[in-house]
Protein backbone atom coordinates (compact mmCIF):
# COMPACT_ATOMS: atom_id res chain seq x y z
CA UNK A 1 0.00 0.00 0.00
CA UNK A 2 1.40 3.36 -1.05
CA UNK A 3 0.62 6.13 1.42
CA UNK A 4 -0.51 9.43 -0.06
CA UNK A 5 0.72 12.77 1.29
CA UNK A 6 -1.37 15.91 1.39
CA UNK A 7 -1.03 19.35 2.97
CA UNK A 8 -3.17 20.03 6.01
CA UNK A 9 -5.75 22.81 5.67
CA UNK A 10 -4.72 26.27 6.81
CA UNK A 11 -5.03 26.55 10.58
CA UNK A 12 -7.70 28.87 11.93
CA UNK A 13 -6.64 31.36 14.60
CA UNK A 14 -2.87 30.71 14.87
CA UNK A 15 -2.53 33.43 17.51
CA UNK A 16 -0.46 33.56 20.70
CA UNK A 17 -2.51 32.58 23.73
CA UNK A 18 -5.28 31.04 21.65
CA UNK A 19 -6.18 27.72 19.98
CA UNK A 20 -5.34 27.02 16.34
CA UNK A 21 -7.74 24.54 14.73
CA UNK A 22 -8.35 22.59 11.55
CA UNK A 23 -10.96 20.10 10.38
CA UNK A 24 -9.55 16.80 9.14
CA UNK A 25 -10.73 15.45 5.79
CA UNK A 26 -13.36 12.73 6.11
CA UNK A 27 -13.48 9.68 3.84
CA UNK A 28 -9.77 8.90 4.32
CA UNK A 29 -7.72 6.56 6.49
CA UNK A 30 -5.27 8.82 8.33
CA UNK A 31 -1.91 7.29 9.29
CA UNK A 32 0.21 10.25 10.45
CA UNK A 33 -0.31 13.97 11.00
CA UNK A 34 2.76 16.22 10.78
CA UNK A 35 2.93 19.65 12.42
CA UNK A 36 5.46 22.28 11.30
CA UNK A 37 5.88 24.73 14.18
CA UNK A 38 7.84 28.00 14.42
CA UNK A 39 7.69 31.66 15.36
CA UNK A 40 9.36 35.01 14.76
CA UNK A 41 12.09 34.38 17.32
CA UNK A 42 13.14 30.77 16.80
CA UNK A 43 11.95 29.13 20.02
CA UNK A 44 11.63 25.41 20.68
CA UNK A 45 8.32 23.72 19.91
CA UNK A 46 7.59 22.86 23.57
CA UNK A 47 7.83 26.56 24.42
CA UNK A 48 5.57 27.56 21.55
CA UNK A 49 2.87 24.91 21.91
CA UNK A 50 1.04 23.73 25.01
CA UNK A 51 -1.76 21.17 24.72
CA UNK A 52 -2.70 19.29 21.56
CA UNK A 53 -6.07 17.58 21.11
CA UNK A 54 -7.56 15.26 18.50
CA UNK A 55 -11.35 15.08 18.35
CA UNK A 56 -13.88 12.87 16.61
CA UNK A 57 -17.53 13.94 16.60
CA UNK A 58 -16.61 16.79 18.94
CA UNK A 59 -15.19 14.47 21.64
CA UNK A 60 -11.51 14.46 22.61
CA UNK A 61 -9.75 11.19 21.67
CA UNK A 62 -6.19 12.32 22.43
CA UNK A 63 -5.01 15.00 24.82
CA UNK A 64 -1.33 15.70 25.51
CA UNK A 65 1.22 18.46 25.85
CA UNK A 66 3.50 18.85 22.84
CA UNK A 67 6.44 17.83 25.05
CA UNK A 68 4.60 14.69 26.18
CA UNK A 69 3.80 13.77 22.58
CA UNK A 70 7.45 13.97 21.62
CA UNK A 71 8.53 12.02 24.72
CA UNK A 72 6.21 9.11 23.94
CA UNK A 73 7.11 9.14 20.24
CA UNK A 74 10.78 9.00 21.26
CA UNK A 75 10.15 5.99 23.52
CA UNK A 76 9.35 3.98 20.40
CA UNK A 77 12.71 4.99 18.90
CA UNK A 78 14.69 8.15 18.25
CA UNK A 79 13.69 8.02 14.58
CA UNK A 80 10.11 8.84 15.66
CA UNK A 81 11.08 12.00 17.56
CA UNK A 82 10.54 15.58 16.37
CA UNK A 83 12.92 16.86 13.70
CA UNK A 84 14.15 20.39 13.13
CA UNK A 85 15.49 22.64 10.41
CA UNK A 86 17.37 25.93 10.61
CA UNK A 87 19.15 27.38 13.62
CA UNK A 88 17.67 27.74 17.08
CA UNK A 89 16.91 31.40 17.99
CA UNK A 90 16.54 32.26 14.29
CA UNK A 91 13.09 33.08 12.84
CA UNK A 92 13.52 30.38 10.15
CA UNK A 93 13.88 27.66 12.81
CA UNK A 94 11.16 24.99 12.48
CA UNK A 95 10.20 21.84 14.35
CA UNK A 96 8.40 18.97 12.62
CA UNK A 97 6.32 17.05 15.15
CA UNK A 98 4.50 13.85 14.11
CA UNK A 99 1.24 12.52 15.55
CA UNK A 100 1.19 8.81 14.76
CA UNK A 101 -2.28 7.30 14.41
CA UNK A 102 -0.92 4.18 12.75
CA UNK A 103 2.05 2.71 14.65
CA UNK A 104 5.02 2.24 12.28
CA UNK A 105 7.22 0.81 15.06
CA UNK A 106 5.18 -2.41 15.11
CA UNK A 107 7.04 -5.40 13.69
CA UNK A 108 4.57 -6.32 10.93
CA UNK A 109 2.91 -4.15 8.30
CA UNK A 110 -0.52 -5.38 9.36
CA UNK A 111 0.06 -4.47 13.01
CA UNK A 112 1.53 -1.10 12.01
CA UNK A 113 -1.51 -0.04 9.99
CA UNK A 114 -4.38 -1.60 11.90
CA UNK A 115 -4.96 1.35 14.28
CA UNK A 116 -4.84 4.10 11.64
CA UNK A 117 -8.02 6.17 11.78
CA UNK A 118 -10.68 5.33 9.17
CA UNK A 119 -12.51 8.66 9.11
CA UNK A 120 -15.31 7.13 7.09
CA UNK A 121 -18.76 5.71 7.51
CA UNK A 122 -21.99 6.97 9.03
CA UNK A 123 -20.61 7.14 12.59
CA UNK A 124 -18.03 9.84 11.72
CA UNK A 125 -19.59 13.28 11.39
CA UNK A 126 -16.46 15.35 12.09
CA UNK A 127 -12.80 15.13 13.05
CA UNK A 128 -10.55 17.98 14.09
CA UNK A 129 -7.17 18.95 15.50
CA UNK A 130 -6.67 21.66 18.13
CA UNK A 131 -3.31 23.17 19.10
CA UNK A 132 -2.99 25.59 22.03
CA UNK A 133 -0.37 28.24 21.28
CA UNK A 134 1.43 29.61 24.33
CA UNK A 135 0.87 33.18 25.46
CA UNK A 136 3.42 35.83 24.64
CA UNK A 137 4.70 34.23 21.45
CA UNK A 138 5.90 36.41 18.56
CA UNK A 139 4.32 35.67 15.17
CA UNK A 140 3.59 31.95 15.75
CA UNK A 141 3.58 29.75 12.66
CA UNK A 142 1.85 26.38 12.38
CA UNK A 143 1.18 24.31 9.29
CA UNK A 144 1.68 20.70 8.25
CA UNK A 145 0.76 17.74 6.13
CA UNK A 146 -0.55 14.21 6.59
CA UNK A 147 -0.19 10.66 5.28
CA UNK A 148 -3.30 8.74 4.30
CA UNK A 149 -4.73 5.84 2.32
CA UNK A 150 -8.25 5.05 1.03
CA UNK A 151 -10.55 3.84 3.82
CA UNK A 152 -11.02 0.09 4.26
CA UNK A 153 -14.04 0.27 6.55
CA UNK A 154 -15.64 2.50 9.13
CA UNK A 155 -13.97 3.90 12.21
CA UNK A 156 -13.26 0.93 14.44
CA UNK A 157 -10.77 0.67 17.29
CA UNK A 158 -8.35 3.57 17.62
CA UNK A 159 -5.57 4.36 20.08
CA UNK A 160 -6.72 7.07 22.48
CA UNK A 161 -4.48 9.05 24.82
CA UNK A 162 -6.20 9.80 28.12
CA UNK A 163 -4.41 12.39 30.25
CA UNK A 164 -5.10 12.17 33.98
CA UNK A 165 -3.57 14.45 36.61
CA UNK A 166 -3.17 13.36 40.23
CA UNK A 167 -2.00 15.37 43.21
CA UNK A 168 1.45 14.11 44.23
CA UNK A 169 2.56 13.99 47.88
CA UNK A 170 4.89 12.05 50.13
CA UNK A 171 7.16 9.22 49.05
CA UNK A 172 4.52 6.71 47.90
CA UNK A 173 0.89 6.75 46.83
CA UNK A 174 -1.91 4.51 45.61
CA UNK A 175 -4.26 5.61 42.84
CA UNK A 176 -7.55 3.81 42.26
CA UNK A 177 -9.27 6.21 39.87
CA UNK A 178 -7.58 5.26 36.59
CA UNK A 179 -9.97 5.46 33.68
CA UNK A 180 -11.23 1.98 32.78
CA UNK A 181 -12.54 0.38 29.62
CA UNK A 182 -10.85 -0.65 26.37
CA UNK A 183 -7.36 -2.17 26.13
CA UNK A 184 -4.44 -0.60 27.99
CA UNK A 185 -1.20 -0.44 26.00
CA UNK A 186 0.87 1.79 28.26
CA UNK A 187 0.81 4.18 31.22
CA UNK A 188 3.37 6.98 31.07
CA UNK A 189 4.02 8.69 34.41
CA UNK A 190 5.63 12.13 34.16
CA UNK A 191 7.61 13.15 37.23
CA UNK A 192 6.06 15.45 39.83
CA UNK A 193 7.93 18.28 41.56
CA UNK A 194 10.92 17.23 43.64
CA UNK A 195 11.11 13.54 42.78
CA UNK A 196 11.36 10.92 40.06
CA UNK A 197 8.88 8.07 39.70
CA UNK A 198 11.03 5.23 41.01
CA UNK A 199 8.76 2.19 41.43
CA UNK A 200 5.36 1.21 40.03
CA UNK A 201 2.93 -1.67 40.58
CA UNK A 202 -0.24 -2.22 38.50
CA UNK A 203 -3.05 -4.54 39.56
CA UNK A 204 -6.43 -5.34 37.99
CA UNK A 205 -9.01 -7.18 40.08
CA UNK A 206 -6.23 -8.26 42.41
CA UNK A 207 -4.00 -9.68 39.68
CA UNK A 208 -0.53 -8.11 39.55
CA UNK A 209 0.37 -7.20 35.96
CA UNK A 210 3.52 -5.34 36.97
CA UNK A 211 5.02 -5.82 40.39
CA UNK A 212 7.00 -3.15 42.25
CA UNK A 213 9.62 -2.89 39.50
CA UNK A 214 12.05 -0.02 39.97
CA UNK A 215 12.89 2.48 37.25
CA UNK A 216 16.25 0.93 36.36
CA UNK A 217 14.79 -2.56 36.08
CA UNK A 218 11.95 -1.21 33.95
CA UNK A 219 14.40 0.61 31.65
CA UNK A 220 16.49 -2.53 31.18
CA UNK A 221 13.36 -4.49 30.27
CA UNK A 222 12.21 -1.87 27.74
CA UNK A 223 15.63 -1.57 26.11
CA UNK A 224 15.64 -5.36 25.70
CA UNK A 225 12.38 -4.97 23.75
CA UNK A 226 13.92 -2.37 21.42
CA UNK A 227 12.40 0.68 23.11
CA UNK A 228 14.13 3.92 24.07
CA UNK A 229 13.11 4.73 27.69
CA UNK A 230 13.82 7.93 29.60
CA UNK A 231 17.13 7.29 31.41
CA UNK A 232 17.56 10.67 33.12
CA UNK A 233 14.31 12.66 33.15
CA UNK A 234 12.36 10.78 35.81
CA UNK A 235 9.50 9.54 33.59
CA UNK A 236 8.33 5.96 34.15
CA UNK A 237 6.94 4.11 31.11
CA UNK A 238 4.83 1.09 32.09
CA UNK A 239 4.42 -0.60 28.70
CA UNK A 240 2.02 -3.52 28.71
CA UNK A 241 2.49 -4.60 25.09
CA UNK A 242 6.29 -4.23 24.97
CA UNK A 243 6.53 -7.67 23.33
CA UNK A 244 4.87 -5.89 20.38
CA UNK A 245 1.63 -7.65 19.38
CA UNK A 246 -1.31 -5.30 19.84
CA UNK A 247 -3.32 -8.08 21.47
CA UNK A 248 -0.82 -8.13 24.35
CA UNK A 249 -2.61 -5.05 25.70
CA UNK A 250 -4.49 -5.36 29.01
CA UNK A 251 -8.31 -5.53 28.72
CA UNK A 252 -9.98 -3.33 31.35
CA UNK A 253 -13.63 -3.42 30.30
CA UNK A 254 -15.59 -4.95 33.15
CA UNK A 255 -12.66 -4.65 35.55
CA UNK A 256 -13.85 -3.63 39.02
CA UNK A 257 -10.46 -2.66 40.44
CA UNK A 258 -7.57 -1.03 38.58
CA UNK A 259 -4.90 0.24 40.95
CA UNK A 260 -1.56 1.93 40.51
CA UNK A 261 0.99 1.98 43.35
CA UNK A 262 3.74 4.58 42.88
CA UNK A 263 6.91 5.11 44.92
CA UNK A 264 9.01 8.24 44.44
CA UNK A 265 12.76 8.78 44.72
CA UNK A 266 12.16 11.59 47.26
CA UNK A 267 9.23 13.54 48.72
CA UNK A 268 6.98 14.55 45.84
CA UNK A 269 4.66 17.53 45.43
CA UNK A 270 2.72 19.20 42.65
CA UNK A 271 1.10 16.92 40.08
CA UNK A 272 1.73 13.44 38.77
CA UNK A 273 0.56 13.26 35.14
CA UNK A 274 -0.49 9.85 33.84
CA UNK A 275 -0.83 9.64 30.07
CA UNK A 276 -2.67 6.42 29.25
CA UNK A 277 -2.55 4.81 25.81
CA UNK A 278 -5.56 2.59 25.28
CA UNK A 279 -7.39 1.29 22.24
CA UNK A 280 -11.08 0.81 21.61
CA UNK A 281 -14.05 2.56 20.00
CA UNK A 282 -13.98 6.38 19.97
CA UNK A 283 -15.07 8.09 23.16
């Protein structure tokens, strides 16, 4: 299958402190969206852009900061990270940030393409992309393109990114309010103030799916699976399908208890952000 490449529509309202938006073209199977981001000063993309959201039928299917998007892309391999052109602190400086709907890091072509978004069929009335531009930016610039193929059905299972924020305190905590339903592929825990996420345990209905594995042990395990974990930044990537097949994900529909135990490297404060990758029907 040859992927087709097309420019994204012109963004509406690309203004500092506001939200730039576009409608995605229906009747296509979208594999990857590419954002080209810059400004009149030459700042980095994570300074220019705050939250990014993908919506279907007016409901958010993915929510993440630009920096979180790049971090999770990079986990799958450095080749999937943002790319740049020009010189930092020069107005011509640009960052090219991909949003992968298909998953090209999967080991077979079928697995790589299966979760691309079929924006077709009677259940899809609209699809859109929203990008929050940070306040105080000088002449922000945002454009892009996308990769697509003809649809091969209606919109089935897609990978959604659910962003939950928990208050962080002390040296260890238990969280029992994780969103449930669908198939869990990964939980990415971004460090709170003052501490790294050092140990994590995940249980579902009393069954331990990851015991109290520390960060170093978790990194070793992910590297062995060909992933590129965060070695210095304090993020903990609990990847449930690290052996690659999509059906290795954890089903959570009908689960009564889904609990996350977290231990920190020091006393934590502020917020612990959990970015959950799960697949299933659109929200």
